All heavy atoms as atom14 arrays in JSON, in Angstrom:
{
  "sequence": "KALGKVAIKLGGSARGHNGVQSCISALHSNEMTRLRIGIGRP",
  "atom14_mask": [
    [1, 1, 1, 1, 1, 1, 1, 1, 1, 0, 0, 0, 0, 0],
    [1, 1, 1, 1, 1, 0, 0, 0, 0, 0, 0, 0, 0, 0],
    [1, 1, 1, 1, 1, 1, 1, 1, 0, 0, 0, 0, 0, 0],
    [1, 1, 1, 1, 0, 0, 0, 0, 0, 0, 0, 0, 0, 0],
    [1, 1, 1, 1, 1, 1, 1, 1, 1, 0, 0, 0, 0, 0],
    [1, 1, 1, 1, 1, 1, 1, 0, 0, 0, 0, 0, 0, 0],
    [1, 1, 1, 1, 1, 0, 0, 0, 0, 0, 0, 0, 0, 0],
    [1, 1, 1, 1, 1, 1, 1, 1, 0, 0, 0, 0, 0, 0],
    [1, 1, 1, 1, 1, 1, 1, 1, 1, 0, 0, 0, 0, 0],
    [1, 1, 1, 1, 1, 1, 1, 1, 0, 0, 0, 0, 0, 0],
    [1, 1, 1, 1, 0, 0, 0, 0, 0, 0, 0, 0, 0, 0],
    [1, 1, 1, 1, 0, 0, 0, 0, 0, 0, 0, 0, 0, 0],
    [1, 1, 1, 1, 1, 1, 0, 0, 0, 0, 0, 0, 0, 0],
    [1, 1, 1, 1, 1, 0, 0, 0, 0, 0, 0, 0, 0, 0],
    [1, 1, 1, 1, 1, 1, 1, 1, 1, 1, 1, 0, 0, 0],
    [1, 1, 1, 1, 0, 0, 0, 0, 0, 0, 0, 0, 0, 0],
    [1, 1, 1, 1, 1, 1, 1, 1, 1, 1, 0, 0, 0, 0],
    [1, 1, 1, 1, 1, 1, 1, 1, 0, 0, 0, 0, 0, 0],
    [1, 1, 1, 1, 0, 0, 0, 0, 0, 0, 0, 0, 0, 0],
    [1, 1, 1, 1, 1, 1, 1, 0, 0, 0, 0, 0, 0, 0],
    [1, 1, 1, 1, 1, 1, 1, 1, 1, 0, 0, 0, 0, 0],
    [1, 1, 1, 1, 1, 1, 0, 0, 0, 0, 0, 0, 0, 0],
    [1, 1, 1, 1, 1, 1, 0, 0, 0, 0, 0, 0, 0, 0],
    [1, 1, 1, 1, 1, 1, 1, 1, 0, 0, 0, 0, 0, 0],
    [1, 1, 1, 1, 1, 1, 0, 0, 0, 0, 0, 0, 0, 0],
    [1, 1, 1, 1, 1, 0, 0, 0, 0, 0, 0, 0, 0, 0],
    [1, 1, 1, 1, 1, 1, 1, 1, 0, 0, 0, 0, 0, 0],
    [1, 1, 1, 1, 1, 1, 1, 1, 1, 1, 0, 0, 0, 0],
    [1, 1, 1, 1, 1, 1, 0, 0, 0, 0, 0, 0, 0, 0],
    [1, 1, 1, 1, 1, 1, 1, 1, 0, 0, 0, 0, 0, 0],
    [1, 1, 1, 1, 1, 1, 1, 1, 1, 0, 0, 0, 0, 0],
    [1, 1, 1, 1, 1, 1, 1, 1, 0, 0, 0, 0, 0, 0],
    [1, 1, 1, 1, 1, 1, 1, 0, 0, 0, 0, 0, 0, 0],
    [1, 1, 1, 1, 1, 1, 1, 1, 1, 1, 1, 0, 0, 0],
    [1, 1, 1, 1, 1, 1, 1, 1, 0, 0, 0, 0, 0, 0],
    [1, 1, 1, 1, 1, 1, 1, 1, 1, 1, 1, 0, 0, 0],
    [1, 1, 1, 1, 1, 1, 1, 1, 0, 0, 0, 0, 0, 0],
    [1, 1, 1, 1, 0, 0, 0, 0, 0, 0, 0, 0, 0, 0],
    [1, 1, 1, 1, 1, 1, 1, 1, 0, 0, 0, 0, 0, 0],
    [1, 1, 1, 1, 0, 0, 0, 0, 0, 0, 0, 0, 0, 0],
    [1, 1, 1, 1, 1, 1, 1, 1, 1, 1, 1, 0, 0, 0],
    [1, 1, 1, 1, 1, 1, 1, 0, 0, 0, 0, 0, 0, 0]
  ],
  "atom14_positions": [
    [[-1.01, 7.48, 4.65], [-1.25, 6.17, 3.98], [-1.11, 6.41, 2.44], [-1.5, 7.49, 1.93], [-2.66, 5.65, 4.29], [-2.79, 5.26, 5.75], [-3.83, 4.09, 5.75], [-3.56, 3.22, 6.91], [-2.19, 2.81, 7.16], [0.0, 0.0, 0.0], [0.0, 0.0, 0.0], [0.0, 0.0, 0.0], [0.0, 0.0, 0.0], [0.0, 0.0, 0.0]],
    [[-0.6, 5.43, 1.77], [-0.48, 5.53, 0.27], [-1.87, 5.68, -0.3], [-2.89, 5.16, 0.18], [0.24, 4.24, -0.17], [0.0, 0.0, 0.0], [0.0, 0.0, 0.0], [0.0, 0.0, 0.0], [0.0, 0.0, 0.0], [0.0, 0.0, 0.0], [0.0, 0.0, 0.0], [0.0, 0.0, 0.0], [0.0, 0.0, 0.0], [0.0, 0.0, 0.0]],
    [[-1.92, 6.28, -1.43], [-3.19, 6.48, -2.2], [-3.92, 5.11, -2.28], [-3.36, 4.2, -2.8], [-2.9, 7.12, -3.51], [-4.16, 7.38, -4.35], [-5.08, 8.46, -3.68], [-3.75, 7.83, -5.74], [0.0, 0.0, 0.0], [0.0, 0.0, 0.0], [0.0, 0.0, 0.0], [0.0, 0.0, 0.0], [0.0, 0.0, 0.0], [0.0, 0.0, 0.0]],
    [[-5.23, 5.13, -1.83], [-6.04, 3.94, -1.95], [-5.93, 2.89, -0.88], [-6.73, 1.98, -0.75], [0.0, 0.0, 0.0], [0.0, 0.0, 0.0], [0.0, 0.0, 0.0], [0.0, 0.0, 0.0], [0.0, 0.0, 0.0], [0.0, 0.0, 0.0], [0.0, 0.0, 0.0], [0.0, 0.0, 0.0], [0.0, 0.0, 0.0], [0.0, 0.0, 0.0]],
    [[-4.96, 3.01, -0.06], [-4.76, 2.07, 1.05], [-5.77, 2.42, 2.14], [-6.12, 3.54, 2.4], [-3.4, 2.05, 1.67], [-2.32, 1.63, 0.8], [-2.43, 0.12, 0.48], [-1.31, -0.35, -0.46], [-1.49, -1.71, -0.86], [0.0, 0.0, 0.0], [0.0, 0.0, 0.0], [0.0, 0.0, 0.0], [0.0, 0.0, 0.0], [0.0, 0.0, 0.0]],
    [[-6.31, 1.37, 2.82], [-7.38, 1.56, 3.85], [-6.95, 0.85, 5.07], [-6.36, -0.2, 5.08], [-8.76, 0.95, 3.27], [-9.85, 1.09, 4.28], [-9.1, 1.65, 2.04], [0.0, 0.0, 0.0], [0.0, 0.0, 0.0], [0.0, 0.0, 0.0], [0.0, 0.0, 0.0], [0.0, 0.0, 0.0], [0.0, 0.0, 0.0], [0.0, 0.0, 0.0]],
    [[-7.29, 1.53, 6.21], [-7.02, 0.92, 7.5], [-8.21, 1.28, 8.42], [-8.85, 2.26, 8.33], [-5.73, 1.36, 8.11], [0.0, 0.0, 0.0], [0.0, 0.0, 0.0], [0.0, 0.0, 0.0], [0.0, 0.0, 0.0], [0.0, 0.0, 0.0], [0.0, 0.0, 0.0], [0.0, 0.0, 0.0], [0.0, 0.0, 0.0], [0.0, 0.0, 0.0]],
    [[-8.45, 0.31, 9.39], [-9.52, 0.59, 10.48], [-8.7, 0.74, 11.72], [-7.82, 0.02, 12.05], [-10.53, -0.52, 10.52], [-11.34, -0.56, 9.22], [-11.41, -0.36, 11.7], [-12.32, -1.64, 9.15], [0.0, 0.0, 0.0], [0.0, 0.0, 0.0], [0.0, 0.0, 0.0], [0.0, 0.0, 0.0], [0.0, 0.0, 0.0], [0.0, 0.0, 0.0]],
    [[-9.09, 1.7, 12.45], [-8.5, 2.02, 13.76], [-9.58, 2.26, 14.75], [-10.55, 3.02, 14.53], [-7.57, 3.19, 13.62], [-6.86, 3.51, 14.88], [-6.0, 4.79, 14.72], [-5.22, 4.89, 16.0], [-4.79, 6.21, 16.35], [0.0, 0.0, 0.0], [0.0, 0.0, 0.0], [0.0, 0.0, 0.0], [0.0, 0.0, 0.0], [0.0, 0.0, 0.0]],
    [[-9.32, 1.75, 16.01], [-10.3, 1.96, 17.1], [-9.61, 2.85, 18.05], [-8.58, 2.56, 18.63], [-10.67, 0.68, 17.83], [-11.54, 0.76, 19.08], [-12.86, 1.42, 18.67], [-11.87, -0.61, 19.61], [0.0, 0.0, 0.0], [0.0, 0.0, 0.0], [0.0, 0.0, 0.0], [0.0, 0.0, 0.0], [0.0, 0.0, 0.0], [0.0, 0.0, 0.0]],
    [[-10.25, 4.04, 18.29], [-9.71, 4.98, 19.24], [-8.38, 5.63, 18.94], [-7.94, 5.54, 17.79], [0.0, 0.0, 0.0], [0.0, 0.0, 0.0], [0.0, 0.0, 0.0], [0.0, 0.0, 0.0], [0.0, 0.0, 0.0], [0.0, 0.0, 0.0], [0.0, 0.0, 0.0], [0.0, 0.0, 0.0], [0.0, 0.0, 0.0], [0.0, 0.0, 0.0]],
    [[-7.77, 6.21, 19.95], [-6.46, 6.81, 19.79], [-6.42, 8.23, 19.47], [-7.55, 8.9, 19.46], [0.0, 0.0, 0.0], [0.0, 0.0, 0.0], [0.0, 0.0, 0.0], [0.0, 0.0, 0.0], [0.0, 0.0, 0.0], [0.0, 0.0, 0.0], [0.0, 0.0, 0.0], [0.0, 0.0, 0.0], [0.0, 0.0, 0.0], [0.0, 0.0, 0.0]],
    [[-5.34, 8.84, 19.19], [-5.22, 10.29, 18.96], [-5.66, 10.63, 17.59], [-5.9, 9.71, 16.67], [-3.79, 10.79, 19.15], [-3.08, 10.3, 18.08], [0.0, 0.0, 0.0], [0.0, 0.0, 0.0], [0.0, 0.0, 0.0], [0.0, 0.0, 0.0], [0.0, 0.0, 0.0], [0.0, 0.0, 0.0], [0.0, 0.0, 0.0], [0.0, 0.0, 0.0]],
    [[-5.83, 11.89, 17.25], [-6.23, 12.39, 15.97], [-5.17, 12.31, 14.94], [-5.34, 12.43, 13.81], [-6.77, 13.79, 16.03], [0.0, 0.0, 0.0], [0.0, 0.0, 0.0], [0.0, 0.0, 0.0], [0.0, 0.0, 0.0], [0.0, 0.0, 0.0], [0.0, 0.0, 0.0], [0.0, 0.0, 0.0], [0.0, 0.0, 0.0], [0.0, 0.0, 0.0]],
    [[-3.83, 12.23, 15.46], [-2.64, 12.16, 14.61], [-2.59, 13.38, 13.63], [-2.22, 13.21, 12.47], [-2.6, 10.86, 13.84], [-2.53, 9.67, 14.72], [-2.4, 8.34, 14.06], [-1.34, 8.34, 13.11], [-1.24, 7.54, 12.1], [-2.16, 6.68, 11.88], [-0.15, 7.58, 11.32], [0.0, 0.0, 0.0], [0.0, 0.0, 0.0], [0.0, 0.0, 0.0]],
    [[-3.02, 14.51, 14.13], [-2.88, 15.73, 13.34], [-4.03, 15.98, 12.35], [-4.01, 16.97, 11.67], [0.0, 0.0, 0.0], [0.0, 0.0, 0.0], [0.0, 0.0, 0.0], [0.0, 0.0, 0.0], [0.0, 0.0, 0.0], [0.0, 0.0, 0.0], [0.0, 0.0, 0.0], [0.0, 0.0, 0.0], [0.0, 0.0, 0.0], [0.0, 0.0, 0.0]],
    [[-5.09, 15.12, 12.38], [-6.18, 15.3, 11.52], [-7.2, 16.22, 12.09], [-7.73, 15.93, 13.18], [-6.84, 13.94, 11.17], [-7.8, 14.02, 10.04], [-9.07, 14.55, 10.17], [-7.7, 13.61, 8.72], [-9.61, 14.45, 9.06], [-8.89, 13.9, 8.19], [0.0, 0.0, 0.0], [0.0, 0.0, 0.0], [0.0, 0.0, 0.0], [0.0, 0.0, 0.0]],
    [[-7.44, 17.37, 11.54], [-8.32, 18.39, 12.18], [-9.73, 17.95, 12.3], [-10.43, 18.33, 13.25], [-8.26, 19.71, 11.36], [-6.92, 20.42, 11.5], [-6.23, 20.27, 12.5], [-6.51, 21.13, 10.48], [0.0, 0.0, 0.0], [0.0, 0.0, 0.0], [0.0, 0.0, 0.0], [0.0, 0.0, 0.0], [0.0, 0.0, 0.0], [0.0, 0.0, 0.0]],
    [[-10.32, 17.2, 11.32], [-11.61, 16.65, 11.41], [-11.76, 15.68, 12.55], [-12.76, 15.75, 13.31], [0.0, 0.0, 0.0], [0.0, 0.0, 0.0], [0.0, 0.0, 0.0], [0.0, 0.0, 0.0], [0.0, 0.0, 0.0], [0.0, 0.0, 0.0], [0.0, 0.0, 0.0], [0.0, 0.0, 0.0], [0.0, 0.0, 0.0], [0.0, 0.0, 0.0]],
    [[-10.9, 14.84, 12.68], [-10.94, 13.86, 13.74], [-10.73, 14.54, 15.07], [-11.47, 14.23, 16.08], [-9.83, 12.78, 13.6], [-9.88, 11.78, 14.85], [-10.13, 11.96, 12.42], [0.0, 0.0, 0.0], [0.0, 0.0, 0.0], [0.0, 0.0, 0.0], [0.0, 0.0, 0.0], [0.0, 0.0, 0.0], [0.0, 0.0, 0.0], [0.0, 0.0, 0.0]],
    [[-9.86, 15.53, 15.19], [-9.71, 16.28, 16.51], [-10.96, 17.0, 16.8], [-11.35, 17.07, 17.97], [-8.46, 17.25, 16.31], [-8.17, 17.98, 17.55], [-7.88, 17.01, 18.75], [-7.05, 16.17, 18.68], [-8.64, 17.14, 19.87], [0.0, 0.0, 0.0], [0.0, 0.0, 0.0], [0.0, 0.0, 0.0], [0.0, 0.0, 0.0], [0.0, 0.0, 0.0]],
    [[-11.68, 17.56, 15.81], [-12.83, 18.23, 16.02], [-13.88, 17.21, 16.69], [-14.61, 17.59, 17.58], [-13.38, 18.79, 14.77], [-14.65, 19.41, 14.96], [0.0, 0.0, 0.0], [0.0, 0.0, 0.0], [0.0, 0.0, 0.0], [0.0, 0.0, 0.0], [0.0, 0.0, 0.0], [0.0, 0.0, 0.0], [0.0, 0.0, 0.0], [0.0, 0.0, 0.0]],
    [[-13.92, 16.0, 16.13], [-14.88, 14.92, 16.71], [-14.46, 14.58, 18.1], [-15.34, 14.49, 18.95], [-14.87, 13.73, 15.75], [-15.57, 14.1, 14.09], [0.0, 0.0, 0.0], [0.0, 0.0, 0.0], [0.0, 0.0, 0.0], [0.0, 0.0, 0.0], [0.0, 0.0, 0.0], [0.0, 0.0, 0.0], [0.0, 0.0, 0.0], [0.0, 0.0, 0.0]],
    [[-13.21, 14.38, 18.4], [-12.72, 14.09, 19.68], [-13.09, 15.16, 20.71], [-13.64, 14.84, 21.81], [-11.25, 13.8, 19.69], [-10.88, 12.47, 18.91], [-10.6, 13.73, 21.12], [-9.47, 12.27, 18.71], [0.0, 0.0, 0.0], [0.0, 0.0, 0.0], [0.0, 0.0, 0.0], [0.0, 0.0, 0.0], [0.0, 0.0, 0.0], [0.0, 0.0, 0.0]],
    [[-12.9, 16.34, 20.29], [-13.24, 17.58, 21.2], [-14.75, 17.65, 21.43], [-15.13, 17.87, 22.54], [-12.7, 18.84, 20.55], [-11.29, 18.84, 20.47], [0.0, 0.0, 0.0], [0.0, 0.0, 0.0], [0.0, 0.0, 0.0], [0.0, 0.0, 0.0], [0.0, 0.0, 0.0], [0.0, 0.0, 0.0], [0.0, 0.0, 0.0], [0.0, 0.0, 0.0]],
    [[-15.49, 17.58, 20.41], [-16.97, 17.73, 20.5], [-17.61, 16.6, 21.31], [-18.62, 16.84, 22.0], [-17.64, 17.93, 19.13], [0.0, 0.0, 0.0], [0.0, 0.0, 0.0], [0.0, 0.0, 0.0], [0.0, 0.0, 0.0], [0.0, 0.0, 0.0], [0.0, 0.0, 0.0], [0.0, 0.0, 0.0], [0.0, 0.0, 0.0], [0.0, 0.0, 0.0]],
    [[-17.07, 15.46, 21.12], [-17.65, 14.21, 21.76], [-16.98, 13.89, 23.17], [-17.51, 13.07, 23.86], [-17.5, 13.0, 20.86], [-18.42, 12.99, 19.66], [-17.91, 12.01, 18.66], [-19.86, 12.82, 19.96], [0.0, 0.0, 0.0], [0.0, 0.0, 0.0], [0.0, 0.0, 0.0], [0.0, 0.0, 0.0], [0.0, 0.0, 0.0], [0.0, 0.0, 0.0]],
    [[-15.99, 14.67, 23.43], [-15.22, 14.45, 24.69], [-14.76, 12.97, 24.88], [-14.77, 12.34, 25.88], [-16.02, 14.88, 25.85], [-16.6, 16.21, 25.83], [-15.77, 17.41, 25.93], [-17.86, 16.66, 25.67], [-16.56, 18.4, 25.75], [-17.81, 18.04, 25.59], [0.0, 0.0, 0.0], [0.0, 0.0, 0.0], [0.0, 0.0, 0.0], [0.0, 0.0, 0.0]],
    [[-14.34, 12.42, 23.7], [-13.89, 10.99, 23.7], [-13.16, 10.74, 22.49], [-13.33, 11.36, 21.43], [-15.15, 10.13, 23.65], [-14.82, 8.75, 23.57], [0.0, 0.0, 0.0], [0.0, 0.0, 0.0], [0.0, 0.0, 0.0], [0.0, 0.0, 0.0], [0.0, 0.0, 0.0], [0.0, 0.0, 0.0], [0.0, 0.0, 0.0], [0.0, 0.0, 0.0]],
    [[-12.28, 9.75, 22.46], [-11.57, 9.28, 21.32], [-11.97, 7.88, 20.97], [-11.22, 7.18, 20.22], [-10.11, 9.45, 21.53], [-9.53, 8.5, 22.57], [-10.23, 7.88, 23.24], [-8.17, 8.48, 22.65], [0.0, 0.0, 0.0], [0.0, 0.0, 0.0], [0.0, 0.0, 0.0], [0.0, 0.0, 0.0], [0.0, 0.0, 0.0], [0.0, 0.0, 0.0]],
    [[-13.09, 7.37, 21.44], [-13.44, 6.0, 21.28], [-14.09, 5.62, 19.89], [-14.52, 4.5, 19.72], [-14.38, 5.57, 22.4], [-13.73, 5.59, 23.73], [-14.69, 5.15, 24.83], [-15.46, 4.25, 24.6], [-14.54, 5.63, 25.92], [0.0, 0.0, 0.0], [0.0, 0.0, 0.0], [0.0, 0.0, 0.0], [0.0, 0.0, 0.0], [0.0, 0.0, 0.0]],
    [[-14.14, 6.54, 18.98], [-14.76, 6.26, 17.71], [-13.85, 5.34, 16.85], [-12.67, 5.44, 16.98], [-14.99, 7.56, 16.94], [-15.97, 8.52, 17.54], [-15.34, 9.46, 18.97], [-14.01, 10.4, 18.25], [0.0, 0.0, 0.0], [0.0, 0.0, 0.0], [0.0, 0.0, 0.0], [0.0, 0.0, 0.0], [0.0, 0.0, 0.0], [0.0, 0.0, 0.0]],
    [[-14.57, 4.56, 16.11], [-13.84, 3.77, 15.08], [-13.55, 4.59, 13.87], [-14.43, 5.37, 13.49], [-14.6, 2.47, 14.74], [-14.86, 1.67, 15.93], [-13.87, 1.6, 13.79], [0.0, 0.0, 0.0], [0.0, 0.0, 0.0], [0.0, 0.0, 0.0], [0.0, 0.0, 0.0], [0.0, 0.0, 0.0], [0.0, 0.0, 0.0], [0.0, 0.0, 0.0]],
    [[-12.42, 4.46, 13.3], [-12.05, 5.22, 12.17], [-11.73, 4.38, 10.95], [-10.92, 3.4, 11.05], [-10.8, 6.14, 12.4], [-11.08, 7.2, 13.49], [-10.17, 6.89, 14.59], [-10.48, 7.57, 15.83], [-9.63, 8.3, 16.49], [-8.4, 8.42, 16.1], [-10.01, 8.76, 17.66], [0.0, 0.0, 0.0], [0.0, 0.0, 0.0], [0.0, 0.0, 0.0]],
    [[-12.26, 4.68, 9.87], [-11.86, 4.18, 8.61], [-11.01, 5.14, 7.84], [-11.48, 6.18, 7.39], [-13.11, 3.74, 7.68], [-12.91, 3.16, 6.32], [-12.1, 1.88, 6.46], [-14.09, 2.95, 5.53], [0.0, 0.0, 0.0], [0.0, 0.0, 0.0], [0.0, 0.0, 0.0], [0.0, 0.0, 0.0], [0.0, 0.0, 0.0], [0.0, 0.0, 0.0]],
    [[-9.75, 4.86, 7.82], [-8.8, 5.82, 7.25], [-8.45, 5.5, 5.82], [-8.06, 4.39, 5.46], [-7.52, 5.8, 8.13], [-7.71, 6.19, 9.5], [-6.67, 5.82, 10.53], [-5.33, 5.75, 9.95], [-4.38, 5.03, 10.44], [-4.59, 4.19, 11.44], [-3.17, 4.97, 9.79], [0.0, 0.0, 0.0], [0.0, 0.0, 0.0], [0.0, 0.0, 0.0]],
    [[-8.75, 6.35, 4.96], [-8.5, 6.24, 3.43], [-7.23, 6.91, 3.08], [-7.17, 8.12, 3.18], [-9.72, 6.81, 2.66], [-11.1, 6.33, 3.19], [-9.65, 6.51, 1.21], [-11.42, 4.9, 3.11], [0.0, 0.0, 0.0], [0.0, 0.0, 0.0], [0.0, 0.0, 0.0], [0.0, 0.0, 0.0], [0.0, 0.0, 0.0], [0.0, 0.0, 0.0]],
    [[-6.38, 6.18, 2.5], [-5.04, 6.79, 2.12], [-5.16, 7.67, 0.95], [-5.77, 7.34, -0.08], [0.0, 0.0, 0.0], [0.0, 0.0, 0.0], [0.0, 0.0, 0.0], [0.0, 0.0, 0.0], [0.0, 0.0, 0.0], [0.0, 0.0, 0.0], [0.0, 0.0, 0.0], [0.0, 0.0, 0.0], [0.0, 0.0, 0.0], [0.0, 0.0, 0.0]],
    [[-4.65, 8.94, 1.1], [-4.57, 9.86, -0.07], [-3.16, 10.25, -0.4], [-2.94, 10.98, -1.37], [-5.42, 11.1, 0.23], [-4.88, 11.9, 1.41], [-6.89, 10.75, 0.43], [-5.46, 13.25, 1.73], [0.0, 0.0, 0.0], [0.0, 0.0, 0.0], [0.0, 0.0, 0.0], [0.0, 0.0, 0.0], [0.0, 0.0, 0.0], [0.0, 0.0, 0.0]],
    [[-2.17, 9.77, 0.4], [-0.78, 10.0, 0.08], [-0.43, 11.5, 0.19], [-1.22, 12.36, 0.44], [0.0, 0.0, 0.0], [0.0, 0.0, 0.0], [0.0, 0.0, 0.0], [0.0, 0.0, 0.0], [0.0, 0.0, 0.0], [0.0, 0.0, 0.0], [0.0, 0.0, 0.0], [0.0, 0.0, 0.0], [0.0, 0.0, 0.0], [0.0, 0.0, 0.0]],
    [[0.83, 11.75, 0.1], [1.31, 13.12, 0.13], [1.46, 13.65, -1.26], [1.76, 12.86, -2.19], [2.69, 13.17, 0.86], [2.65, 12.69, 2.27], [2.99, 13.79, 3.14], [2.77, 13.35, 4.59], [2.31, 14.09, 5.52], [1.99, 15.38, 5.25], [2.19, 13.66, 6.79], [0.0, 0.0, 0.0], [0.0, 0.0, 0.0], [0.0, 0.0, 0.0]],
    [[1.25, 14.93, -1.47], [1.33, 15.49, -2.83], [2.79, 15.32, -3.39], [3.66, 15.25, -2.66], [0.98, 16.97, -2.59], [0.48, 17.14, -1.24], [0.86, 15.87, -0.44], [0.0, 0.0, 0.0], [0.0, 0.0, 0.0], [0.0, 0.0, 0.0], [0.0, 0.0, 0.0], [0.0, 0.0, 0.0], [0.0, 0.0, 0.0], [0.0, 0.0, 0.0]]
  ]
}
């Protein structure tokens, strides 16, 4: 996501995000709501 852009997502995959994957693995579920904050690519 572009720097400063925000999106809300319900469930789904971690899309390569290690922190989200850690939560999915530890909770044995992907049903968490996510507030995704855009930081852009360097």
